[in-house]
Protein backbone atom coordinates (compact mmCIF):
# COMPACT_ATOMS: atom_id res chain seq x y z
CA UNK A 1 -88.80 304.23 238.05
CA UNK A 2 -88.39 304.59 234.31
CA UNK A 3 -85.32 306.24 232.78
CA UNK A 4 -84.56 307.37 229.24
CA UNK A 5 -81.11 306.67 227.86
CA UNK A 6 -80.66 309.09 224.97
CA UNK A 7 -77.54 308.50 222.90
CA UNK A 8 -76.00 310.48 220.06
CA UNK A 9 -73.71 308.74 217.58
CA UNK A 10 -70.37 309.94 216.28
CA UNK A 11 -70.30 310.68 212.55
CA UNK A 12 -70.18 307.62 210.29
CA UNK A 13 -70.91 305.20 213.13
CA UNK A 14 -72.49 302.41 211.08
CA UNK A 15 -69.47 300.09 210.88
CA UNK A 16 -68.82 300.54 214.60
CA UNK A 17 -72.49 299.80 215.34
CA UNK A 18 -72.38 296.62 213.28
CA UNK A 19 -69.30 295.39 215.16
CA UNK A 20 -70.83 295.86 218.63
CA UNK A 21 -74.51 295.22 217.84
CA UNK A 22 -74.72 291.63 219.11
CA UNK A 23 -73.39 292.57 222.55
CA UNK A 24 -75.57 295.70 222.68
CA UNK A 25 -78.72 293.72 221.80
CA UNK A 26 -77.85 291.00 224.34
CA UNK A 27 -77.98 293.59 227.14
CA UNK A 28 -81.35 294.85 225.90
CA UNK A 29 -82.67 291.28 225.72
CA UNK A 30 -81.66 290.82 229.36
CA UNK A 31 -83.68 293.90 230.38
CA UNK A 32 -86.59 292.60 228.28
CA UNK A 33 -86.50 289.17 229.95
CA UNK A 34 -86.54 290.89 233.34
CA UNK A 35 -89.66 292.84 232.30
CA UNK A 36 -87.83 296.17 232.63
CA UNK A 37 -87.55 297.27 229.00
CA UNK A 38 -90.27 299.62 227.72
CA UNK A 39 -88.74 300.37 224.31
CA UNK A 40 -85.43 300.56 222.53
CA UNK A 41 -84.26 301.51 219.08
CA UNK A 42 -82.05 303.69 216.92
CA UNK A 43 -82.75 307.01 215.20
CA UNK A 44 -82.30 306.52 211.43
CA UNK A 45 -80.17 309.21 209.80
CA UNK A 46 -82.76 309.57 207.03
CA UNK A 47 -86.54 309.34 206.92
CA UNK A 48 -86.61 305.61 206.29
CA UNK A 49 -87.35 302.43 208.21
CA UNK A 50 -84.14 300.99 206.69
CA UNK A 51 -81.58 303.78 206.26
CA UNK A 52 -79.00 301.37 204.79
CA UNK A 53 -75.60 303.05 204.47
CA UNK A 54 -76.97 306.37 205.79
CA UNK A 55 -76.89 304.70 209.21
CA UNK A 56 -78.14 306.14 212.44
CA UNK A 57 -77.70 309.29 214.51
CA UNK A 58 -78.32 307.83 217.96
CA UNK A 59 -80.55 305.62 220.07
CA UNK A 60 -83.32 305.75 222.65
CA UNK A 61 -83.84 303.22 225.42
CA UNK A 62 -86.57 303.52 228.05
CA UNK A 63 -86.27 301.03 230.88
CA UNK A 64 -86.89 300.55 234.57
CA UNK A 65 -84.02 300.92 237.04
CA UNK A 66 -83.83 301.29 240.80
CA UNK A 67 -82.34 304.78 240.62
CA UNK A 68 -80.79 307.34 238.32
CA UNK A 69 -77.37 306.19 239.47
CA UNK A 70 -78.18 302.59 238.54
CA UNK A 71 -79.48 303.66 235.13
CA UNK A 72 -76.35 305.75 234.50
CA UNK A 73 -74.07 302.90 235.55
CA UNK A 74 -75.89 300.55 233.18
CA UNK A 75 -75.61 303.06 230.32
CA UNK A 76 -71.92 303.68 231.01
CA UNK A 77 -70.97 300.09 230.18
CA UNK A 78 -72.89 299.77 226.91
CA UNK A 79 -70.82 297.98 224.25
CA UNK A 80 -71.51 300.86 221.87
CA UNK A 81 -69.50 303.14 224.17
CA UNK A 82 -66.50 300.80 224.11
CA UNK A 83 -66.81 300.55 220.31
CA UNK A 84 -66.81 304.34 219.92
CA UNK A 85 -70.36 304.52 218.52
CA UNK A 86 -71.68 307.13 220.94
CA UNK A 87 -70.40 310.70 221.16
CA UNK A 88 -72.78 311.51 224.02
CA UNK A 89 -75.14 309.64 226.33
CA UNK A 90 -77.74 311.36 228.51
CA UNK A 91 -79.71 309.51 231.18
CA UNK A 92 -82.75 311.13 232.74
CA UNK A 93 -85.90 310.12 234.60
CA UNK A 94 -88.89 309.38 232.39
CA UNK A 95 -92.56 309.51 233.31
CA UNK A 96 -94.77 307.46 231.01
CA UNK A 97 -98.17 309.09 230.56
CA UNK A 98 -99.59 307.40 227.44
CA UNK A 99 -100.54 304.81 226.35
């Protein structure tokens, strides 16, 4: 089943994001190689493709996991959590309708 991992950043998270980005992306690449990643990306803090120093306010990942528990366990060990990027992470089932 698909699950959405919805994360909210702490204030001024950009430097923390930059420090942990390689490890965070490596985990996403692993899901992608396994054919389980539907989409992933951050929420820019401003209405811009490249928010520069404005940074980001959070992230969204939609991926396939065996259960809600498995999805939550995966989310709980994200490098952004260890780096203090995320203030809150919510994991919930997701039903893709379109496209």
